[in-house]
Amino acid sequence: MTTHDAERPVLLLVGSGGQMWREYMLRSMAAEYRLHLFCPSPPTWEFPYIDDFGVVDTLDVGAMTALARTTSRDFAGVLTYEETRVEAAAGLATALGLRTSPPEAVHACRDKFTGREALKRAGVPQAESVAVAGLEEARAAAARIGYPVVVKPRALSASCGVTFVSGPEELERAFREAGRIWFDEVPTYERPILVEEFLDGPEISVEAVCRDGHVTALFVAHKSLGYAPGFEETGHLVRADESLLHDATLLKVLQDAHSAVGLTDTVTHTELRLTVTGPRVVEINARVGGDRIPYLGGLATGVDIGLVAADLAVGAVPDLKATRSEVAGIRFLYPDEDLTCESVEVDPGRLPAGTHEVKILAEPGKELRLPPQDPVRSRYAFVIAVGGTEKSCTAALDEAAAAVTVHGTPLS
């Protein structure tokens, strides 16, 4: 778009997320749209990117709808990229008559078991899954599925509380772990824990556009996992020349998964395992991915997913043409042991030419407890690198990671 500011469409954004992880999305969208932010508390860092805002409970569809209707703005679309707000945003868009996927389809992505049941009915390859309320039910489910299994919460993200269980003796600990990690904005269920078949093979995620029910894969991120028996995501790598983007079997599974849950108009983040029997779905999310994965996709391909998501929300045809051919990766850094952070130091002289960004995540005084005790927040920094090949990108990530050092006092 090249319209003057006053002529630019107004996009209603529900929640803004953390600056570290989502500022690039606001920056992209603000270049072409006027952003009206609905937020639970007054904005701070968002001000350079937003046109106006309203303070409201962003989980309450009724309250947001009432506020939107009393606001003298002609909203062209509704968008969120926050996991906890995808259902509310879909409900708001529906109430305002704006483009969105059906709220029940978005719910099927938010509630992992509802999504599993939808995929099962459609015959989409995935892990067998059982929702349980107690430990005895979990034992029975694991025995029926057959070890090894995976135990995880029904409605969390970022691999929180997800544990590999090789045998019956490990199940109780995994069940407790899945129930221990919870957040205020996460819905509760009568059967809040899932016991699932373990899918062996490399794990990937696919960022895609679903428009009028048709799915177009944008890019694939290859995950690095660590801290067994958990599944901590320690890094991601995106290649512009990704062969999986032309894999007919994978693309069919991706399309079938979206159709099964009923998604029609949204950007999505789908996680899959590449097993010996073919790609199988781990989960599908009605939002862009986290961990800066969409940002890596932009560095590798030039496709700006912030603008893609905004265009889709207002009914425009997104520009999906790749303009770059690179390899981009992110590496998350963890201490060798649990500690209280005193400082994180970066040696600029040791950063390789391929370094794109270094971000310190831990302030002095922060306790860093290794996964699974404190997943995600145990990271003290991350590095992003870009290269012409996977080898050069990986080498740059290694060198950049070595240039960042954490100092602290070990925790007892």
Protein backbone atom coordinates (compact mmCIF):
# COMPACT_ATOMS: atom_id res chain seq x y z
CA MET A 1 0.00 0.00 0.00
CA THR A 2 1.14 3.55 -0.74
CA THR A 3 -1.83 5.48 0.66
CA HIS A 4 -1.54 8.54 2.88
CA ASP A 5 -1.70 7.97 6.61
CA ALA A 6 -5.31 9.07 7.02
CA GLU A 7 -6.38 6.72 4.23
CA ARG A 8 -4.66 3.65 5.62
CA PRO A 9 -7.02 0.95 6.96
CA VAL A 10 -7.39 0.67 10.73
CA LEU A 11 -6.47 -2.74 12.14
CA LEU A 12 -7.77 -3.67 15.59
CA LEU A 13 -4.99 -5.53 17.41
CA VAL A 14 -5.93 -7.61 20.46
CA GLY A 15 -2.96 -7.68 22.84
CA SER A 16 0.61 -6.86 21.90
CA GLY A 17 2.76 -9.47 23.65
CA GLY A 18 6.26 -8.87 24.94
CA GLN A 19 8.46 -6.29 23.27
CA MET A 20 11.40 -8.66 22.97
CA TRP A 21 9.38 -11.21 21.03
CA ARG A 22 6.75 -9.25 19.12
CA GLU A 23 7.98 -5.73 18.39
CA TYR A 24 9.00 -6.76 14.88
CA MET A 25 5.34 -7.65 14.19
CA LEU A 26 4.06 -4.22 15.24
CA ARG A 27 6.81 -2.49 13.29
CA SER A 28 5.82 -4.33 10.11
CA MET A 29 2.09 -3.80 10.47
CA ALA A 30 2.43 -0.13 11.39
CA ALA A 31 4.21 0.52 8.10
CA GLU A 32 0.98 -0.13 6.17
CA TYR A 33 -1.85 0.05 8.71
CA ARG A 34 -3.08 2.27 11.48
CA LEU A 35 -3.11 0.11 14.60
CA HIS A 36 -5.76 0.45 17.28
CA LEU A 37 -4.67 -1.63 20.26
CA PHE A 38 -7.01 -3.30 22.74
CA CYS A 39 -4.93 -4.07 25.83
CA PRO A 40 -5.58 -5.07 29.47
CA SER A 41 -3.43 -2.18 30.77
CA PRO A 42 -2.18 1.08 29.21
CA PRO A 43 0.51 0.55 26.57
CA THR A 44 4.17 1.54 27.02
CA TRP A 45 6.66 0.42 24.38
CA GLU A 46 3.86 0.07 21.79
CA PHE A 47 3.26 3.84 21.42
CA PRO A 48 5.56 4.41 18.40
CA TYR A 49 3.53 1.87 16.42
CA ILE A 50 -0.09 2.41 17.46
CA ASP A 51 -2.59 5.03 16.35
CA ASP A 52 -4.86 4.68 19.39
CA PHE A 53 -5.75 2.20 22.14
CA GLY A 54 -8.47 1.07 24.51
CA VAL A 55 -7.99 -0.58 27.90
CA VAL A 56 -10.29 -3.58 28.20
CA ASP A 57 -10.32 -7.22 29.30
CA THR A 58 -8.91 -8.80 26.15
CA LEU A 59 -10.32 -12.21 27.07
CA ASP A 60 -13.88 -10.85 27.28
CA VAL A 61 -15.50 -10.87 23.83
CA GLY A 62 -18.55 -8.96 25.03
CA ALA A 63 -16.54 -6.17 26.63
CA MET A 64 -14.32 -5.80 23.57
CA THR A 65 -17.30 -5.81 21.20
CA ALA A 66 -19.03 -3.09 23.22
CA LEU A 67 -15.90 -0.95 23.26
CA ALA A 68 -15.29 -1.44 19.53
CA ARG A 69 -18.83 -0.36 18.73
CA THR A 70 -18.54 2.80 20.80
CA THR A 71 -15.19 3.71 19.26
CA SER A 72 -15.43 6.12 16.35
CA ARG A 73 -13.21 3.99 14.13
CA ASP A 74 -14.01 2.00 11.03
CA PHE A 75 -12.09 -1.20 11.72
CA ALA A 76 -10.99 -3.11 8.63
CA GLY A 77 -9.92 -6.22 10.51
CA VAL A 78 -9.12 -7.85 13.85
CA LEU A 79 -5.83 -9.58 14.61
CA THR A 80 -3.94 -11.15 17.47
CA TYR A 81 -0.77 -13.18 17.66
CA GLU A 82 -1.08 -14.05 21.35
CA GLU A 83 -1.98 -17.67 22.07
CA THR A 84 -4.22 -16.84 25.04
CA ARG A 85 -6.25 -14.36 23.00
CA VAL A 86 -6.86 -16.16 19.70
CA GLU A 87 -10.35 -17.33 20.68
CA ALA A 88 -11.40 -13.93 21.98
CA ALA A 89 -10.08 -12.21 18.84
CA ALA A 90 -12.00 -14.62 16.61
CA GLY A 91 -15.14 -13.97 18.64
CA LEU A 92 -14.64 -10.22 18.37
CA ALA A 93 -14.08 -10.34 14.61
CA THR A 94 -17.21 -12.49 14.21
CA ALA A 95 -19.29 -10.05 16.30
CA LEU A 96 -18.07 -7.14 14.16
CA GLY A 97 -18.68 -8.99 10.89
CA LEU A 98 -14.99 -9.00 9.96
CA ARG A 99 -12.89 -11.68 8.32
CA THR A 100 -11.80 -14.50 10.61
CA SER A 101 -11.81 -18.23 11.08
CA PRO A 102 -14.86 -19.56 12.98
CA PRO A 103 -14.36 -19.26 16.77
CA GLU A 104 -15.03 -22.99 17.16
CA ALA A 105 -12.19 -23.76 14.75
CA VAL A 106 -9.85 -21.50 16.69
CA HIS A 107 -10.98 -23.23 19.89
CA ALA A 108 -10.01 -26.57 18.37
CA CYS A 109 -6.48 -25.23 18.02
CA ARG A 110 -6.42 -23.74 21.51
CA ASP A 111 -7.70 -26.89 23.21
CA LYS A 112 -5.24 -29.54 22.10
CA PHE A 113 -7.60 -32.46 22.82
CA THR A 114 -10.51 -30.96 20.87
CA GLY A 115 -8.07 -30.47 18.03
CA ARG A 116 -6.87 -34.06 18.33
CA GLU A 117 -10.44 -35.35 18.11
CA ALA A 118 -11.10 -33.27 14.99
CA LEU A 119 -7.94 -34.56 13.32
CA LYS A 120 -8.85 -38.12 14.29
CA ARG A 121 -12.31 -37.88 12.71
CA ALA A 122 -10.72 -36.63 9.49
CA GLY A 123 -8.04 -39.33 9.46
CA VAL A 124 -5.14 -36.86 9.64
CA PRO A 125 -1.87 -38.57 10.67
CA GLN A 126 -1.09 -37.62 14.26
CA ALA A 127 -0.28 -39.00 17.69
CA GLU A 128 -2.89 -41.05 19.53
CA SER A 129 -4.05 -38.97 22.50
CA VAL A 130 -6.09 -39.48 25.67
CA ALA A 131 -7.27 -36.71 28.01
CA VAL A 132 -7.11 -37.72 31.68
CA ALA A 133 -8.17 -36.28 35.02
CA GLY A 134 -6.00 -38.27 37.41
CA LEU A 135 -2.91 -40.42 37.73
CA GLU A 136 -4.75 -43.74 37.53
CA GLU A 137 -6.41 -42.67 34.29
CA ALA A 138 -2.99 -41.63 33.00
CA ARG A 139 -1.54 -45.04 33.84
CA ALA A 140 -4.37 -46.80 32.06
CA ALA A 141 -4.01 -44.57 28.99
CA ALA A 142 -0.25 -45.08 28.81
CA ALA A 143 -0.64 -48.84 29.12
CA ARG A 144 -3.17 -48.88 26.29
CA ILE A 145 -1.14 -46.59 23.99
CA GLY A 146 2.12 -48.35 24.82
CA TYR A 147 5.36 -46.86 26.10
CA PRO A 148 7.13 -44.59 25.40
CA VAL A 149 4.51 -41.86 25.73
CA VAL A 150 4.44 -38.09 26.07
CA VAL A 151 2.58 -36.40 28.94
CA LYS A 152 1.64 -32.74 28.56
CA PRO A 153 -0.83 -30.03 29.60
CA ARG A 154 -3.94 -29.66 27.47
CA ALA A 155 -3.72 -25.93 26.79
CA LEU A 156 -0.17 -24.58 27.20
CA SER A 157 2.46 -23.66 24.61
CA ALA A 158 6.26 -23.41 24.23
CA SER A 159 6.67 -27.07 25.30
CA CYS A 160 5.87 -26.14 28.90
CA GLY A 161 5.23 -29.22 31.03
CA VAL A 162 5.80 -31.65 28.15
CA THR A 163 7.69 -34.78 29.23
CA PHE A 164 8.93 -37.97 27.55
CA VAL A 165 8.04 -41.07 29.56
CA SER A 166 9.92 -44.26 28.71
CA GLY A 167 8.19 -46.53 31.24
CA PRO A 168 5.61 -46.80 34.05
CA GLU A 169 8.10 -45.80 36.74
CA GLU A 170 8.44 -42.30 35.21
CA LEU A 171 4.75 -41.58 34.69
CA GLU A 172 3.88 -40.12 38.10
CA ARG A 173 6.66 -37.53 37.93
CA ALA A 174 5.62 -36.53 34.40
CA PHE A 175 1.97 -36.26 35.42
CA ARG A 176 2.87 -33.96 38.31
CA GLU A 177 5.06 -31.84 36.03
CA ALA A 178 2.26 -31.40 33.48
CA GLY A 179 -0.09 -30.20 36.21
CA ARG A 180 2.45 -27.99 37.97
CA ILE A 181 2.93 -25.38 35.24
CA TRP A 182 -0.09 -23.17 34.74
CA PHE A 183 -0.93 -19.54 34.01
CA ASP A 184 -3.84 -17.34 35.01
CA GLU A 185 -5.11 -16.86 31.45
CA VAL A 186 -5.08 -20.57 30.59
CA PRO A 187 -8.52 -22.25 30.61
CA THR A 188 -9.16 -25.16 32.97
CA TYR A 189 -10.57 -28.51 31.92
CA GLU A 190 -12.09 -31.46 33.74
CA ARG A 191 -9.42 -33.60 32.09
CA PRO A 192 -6.45 -31.19 31.92
CA ILE A 193 -3.62 -33.62 31.07
CA LEU A 194 -2.94 -35.44 27.81
CA VAL A 195 -1.18 -38.79 27.50
CA GLU A 196 -0.01 -39.23 23.94
CA GLU A 197 1.83 -41.61 21.68
CA PHE A 198 5.49 -40.64 21.25
CA LEU A 199 6.30 -39.71 17.67
CA ASP A 200 9.92 -40.45 16.82
CA GLY A 201 11.72 -38.39 14.21
CA PRO A 202 12.88 -34.80 13.61
CA GLU A 203 10.44 -32.06 14.68
CA ILE A 204 9.59 -29.13 12.45
CA SER A 205 7.14 -26.26 12.44
CA VAL A 206 5.44 -24.77 9.39
CA GLU A 207 4.26 -21.16 9.16
CA ALA A 208 1.39 -20.95 6.73
CA VAL A 209 -1.41 -18.76 5.41
CA CYS A 210 -4.93 -20.14 5.37
CA ARG A 211 -7.17 -17.99 3.13
CA ASP A 212 -10.70 -19.12 2.27
CA GLY A 213 -9.67 -22.50 3.63
CA HIS A 214 -6.74 -22.92 1.22
CA VAL A 215 -3.35 -23.39 2.88
CA THR A 216 -0.07 -21.99 1.54
CA ALA A 217 3.09 -22.99 3.41
CA LEU A 218 5.49 -20.07 3.80
CA PHE A 219 8.51 -21.57 5.51
CA VAL A 220 9.68 -24.46 7.65
CA ALA A 221 11.64 -24.20 10.90
CA HIS A 222 13.78 -27.14 11.99
CA LYS A 223 13.76 -27.39 15.79
CA SER A 224 16.63 -28.20 18.12
CA LEU A 225 15.38 -29.87 21.29
CA GLY A 226 17.13 -30.44 24.61
CA TYR A 227 16.89 -31.07 28.33
CA ALA A 228 15.39 -34.55 28.18
CA PRO A 229 13.00 -35.87 29.33
CA GLY A 230 11.49 -32.49 28.46
CA PHE A 231 11.25 -31.02 24.98
CA GLU A 232 12.83 -27.61 25.50
CA GLU A 233 13.17 -25.77 22.17
CA THR A 234 16.79 -24.62 22.22
CA GLY A 235 16.91 -23.26 18.68
CA HIS A 236 15.37 -23.08 15.21
CA LEU A 237 16.72 -22.97 11.67
CA VAL A 238 14.90 -21.72 8.55
CA ARG A 239 16.13 -22.30 4.99
CA ALA A 240 14.77 -20.41 2.01
CA ASP A 241 15.49 -23.36 -0.28
CA GLU A 242 13.53 -25.77 1.91
CA SER A 243 12.72 -28.99 0.02
CA LEU A 244 9.85 -29.81 2.39
CA LEU A 245 7.90 -26.87 0.94
CA HIS A 246 7.56 -29.00 -2.20
CA ASP A 247 6.82 -32.30 -0.43
CA ALA A 248 3.36 -33.35 -1.62
CA THR A 249 2.75 -35.62 1.38
CA LEU A 250 3.61 -32.92 3.92
CA LEU A 251 1.52 -30.30 2.12
CA LYS A 252 -1.48 -32.65 2.03
CA VAL A 253 -1.19 -33.37 5.76
CA LEU A 254 -0.97 -29.63 6.39
CA GLN A 255 -4.05 -28.85 4.28
CA ASP A 256 -6.02 -31.75 5.75
CA ALA A 257 -5.19 -30.65 9.30
CA HIS A 258 -6.47 -27.11 8.68
CA SER A 259 -9.61 -28.41 7.01
CA ALA A 260 -10.23 -30.89 9.83
CA VAL A 261 -10.36 -28.24 12.54
CA GLY A 262 -12.28 -25.84 10.29
CA LEU A 263 -9.81 -22.99 9.85
CA THR A 264 -10.62 -20.62 6.99
CA ASP A 265 -8.75 -17.32 7.38
CA THR A 266 -5.68 -17.00 9.57
CA VAL A 267 -1.94 -17.37 9.71
CA THR A 268 -0.95 -20.61 11.41
CA HIS A 269 1.90 -22.37 13.16
CA THR A 270 1.77 -26.17 12.80
CA GLU A 271 4.20 -28.52 14.52
CA LEU A 272 4.90 -31.93 13.03
CA ARG A 273 7.21 -34.91 13.45
CA LEU A 274 8.83 -36.47 10.39
CA THR A 275 8.40 -40.14 11.30
CA VAL A 276 9.34 -43.25 9.32
CA THR A 277 5.67 -43.52 8.28
CA GLY A 278 5.53 -39.91 7.11
CA PRO A 279 4.75 -36.50 8.63
CA ARG A 280 2.39 -36.57 11.62
CA VAL A 281 0.83 -33.59 13.36
CA VAL A 282 1.93 -32.64 16.87
CA GLU A 283 -0.36 -29.58 17.08
CA ILE A 284 -1.84 -26.79 15.00
CA ASN A 285 -2.08 -23.18 16.21
CA ALA A 286 -4.25 -20.37 14.84
CA ARG A 287 -1.48 -17.78 15.17
CA VAL A 288 2.09 -17.14 14.10
CA GLY A 289 4.82 -19.04 15.90
CA GLY A 290 6.82 -17.78 18.85
CA ASP A 291 10.56 -17.89 19.58
CA ARG A 292 11.12 -15.37 16.75
CA ILE A 293 10.45 -18.13 14.19
CA PRO A 294 8.42 -15.81 11.89
CA TYR A 295 11.25 -13.27 12.12
CA LEU A 296 13.72 -15.93 10.96
CA GLY A 297 11.42 -16.66 8.04
CA GLY A 298 11.59 -13.02 7.03
CA LEU A 299 15.38 -12.98 7.25
CA ALA A 300 15.62 -16.13 5.14
CA THR A 301 12.93 -15.47 2.52
CA GLY A 302 12.02 -11.78 2.73
CA VAL A 303 8.37 -12.67 3.40
CA ASP A 304 7.11 -10.31 6.12
CA ILE A 305 4.62 -12.33 8.14
CA GLY A 306 3.49 -9.28 10.09
CA LEU A 307 2.17 -7.71 6.89
CA VAL A 308 0.89 -11.06 5.69
CA ALA A 309 -1.18 -11.49 8.85
CA ALA A 310 -2.47 -7.90 8.66
CA ASP A 311 -3.41 -8.19 4.97
CA LEU A 312 -5.22 -11.45 5.65
CA ALA A 313 -7.17 -9.92 8.55
CA VAL A 314 -8.56 -7.10 6.39
CA GLY A 315 -9.34 -9.34 3.43
CA ALA A 316 -6.48 -8.23 1.19
CA VAL A 317 -4.43 -10.70 -0.81
CA PRO A 318 -1.07 -11.05 0.99
CA ASP A 319 2.20 -10.77 -0.91
CA LEU A 320 3.84 -14.18 -0.41
CA LYS A 321 6.66 -13.80 -2.93
CA ALA A 322 10.12 -14.59 -1.57
CA THR A 323 12.70 -11.88 -2.18
CA ARG A 324 15.69 -13.44 -0.38
CA SER A 325 17.40 -16.82 -0.34
CA GLU A 326 19.28 -17.22 2.93
CA VAL A 327 19.48 -19.47 5.96
CA ALA A 328 18.56 -17.93 9.33
CA GLY A 329 18.81 -19.46 12.79
CA ILE A 330 18.31 -18.67 16.45
CA ARG A 331 20.12 -20.25 19.40
CA PHE A 332 18.92 -19.89 23.01
CA LEU A 333 21.55 -19.88 25.72
CA TYR A 334 21.23 -21.57 29.12
CA PRO A 335 23.57 -21.74 32.13
CA ASP A 336 25.46 -24.93 32.89
CA GLU A 337 23.68 -25.15 36.24
CA ASP A 338 20.94 -23.42 38.22
CA LEU A 339 22.19 -20.01 39.30
CA THR A 340 21.32 -16.46 40.28
CA CYS A 341 22.43 -14.22 37.42
CA GLU A 342 24.96 -11.51 38.26
CA SER A 343 25.71 -10.37 34.71
CA VAL A 344 25.66 -11.41 31.07
CA GLU A 345 28.60 -10.21 29.00
CA VAL A 346 29.00 -10.04 25.23
CA ASP A 347 32.45 -9.88 23.63
CA PRO A 348 31.85 -7.92 20.39
CA GLY A 349 35.27 -8.88 19.05
CA ARG A 350 34.31 -12.55 18.99
CA LEU A 351 31.02 -12.10 17.13
CA PRO A 352 31.28 -13.49 13.58
CA ALA A 353 30.24 -11.59 10.46
CA GLY A 354 27.05 -13.65 10.17
CA THR A 355 25.71 -12.41 13.51
CA HIS A 356 22.39 -10.63 13.05
CA GLU A 357 21.34 -10.02 16.64
CA VAL A 358 22.34 -10.74 20.23
CA LYS A 359 19.77 -10.23 23.00
CA ILE A 360 20.36 -10.49 26.74
CA LEU A 361 17.32 -11.94 28.52
CA ALA A 362 18.47 -12.17 32.15
CA GLU A 363 18.83 -9.18 34.44
CA PRO A 364 21.07 -9.24 37.54
CA GLY A 365 19.33 -11.05 40.37
CA LYS A 366 17.22 -13.28 38.15
CA GLU A 367 17.16 -16.95 39.13
CA LEU A 368 17.90 -19.22 36.19
CA ARG A 369 16.67 -22.76 36.82
CA LEU A 370 17.26 -25.25 34.05
CA PRO A 371 14.33 -26.98 32.35
CA PRO A 372 11.99 -28.49 33.25
CA GLN A 373 11.98 -26.43 36.46
CA ASP A 374 11.57 -23.12 34.65
CA PRO A 375 11.23 -23.65 30.90
CA VAL A 376 11.85 -20.72 28.56
CA ARG A 377 12.65 -18.27 31.41
CA SER A 378 15.88 -20.18 32.14
CA ARG A 379 17.40 -18.65 28.99
CA TYR A 380 19.91 -15.88 29.64
CA ALA A 381 20.36 -14.75 26.02
CA PHE A 382 19.78 -15.63 22.41
CA VAL A 383 21.75 -15.11 19.22
CA ILE A 384 20.47 -14.90 15.65
CA ALA A 385 22.67 -15.51 12.61
CA VAL A 386 22.16 -15.42 8.85
CA GLY A 387 24.25 -17.18 6.22
CA GLY A 388 24.18 -18.29 2.63
CA THR A 389 24.24 -21.95 3.62
CA GLU A 390 23.12 -24.03 6.58
CA LYS A 391 26.76 -24.77 7.40
CA SER A 392 27.78 -21.09 7.50
CA CYS A 393 24.70 -20.13 9.52
CA THR A 394 25.30 -22.90 12.07
CA ALA A 395 28.97 -21.97 12.37
CA ALA A 396 28.02 -18.33 13.00
CA LEU A 397 25.53 -19.41 15.68
CA ASP A 398 28.26 -21.47 17.38
CA GLU A 399 30.73 -18.57 17.38
CA ALA A 400 28.16 -16.00 18.48
CA ALA A 401 26.99 -18.22 21.34
CA ALA A 402 30.59 -18.61 22.50
CA ALA A 403 30.93 -14.82 22.67
CA VAL A 404 28.17 -14.53 25.30
CA THR A 405 28.95 -15.43 28.92
CA VAL A 406 26.73 -15.56 31.98
CA HIS A 407 28.13 -14.98 35.47
CA GLY A 408 26.28 -15.90 38.61
CA THR A 409 26.06 -17.69 41.93
CA PRO A 410 25.01 -21.36 41.87
CA LEU A 411 21.68 -22.10 43.52
CA SER A 412 21.57 -24.82 46.13
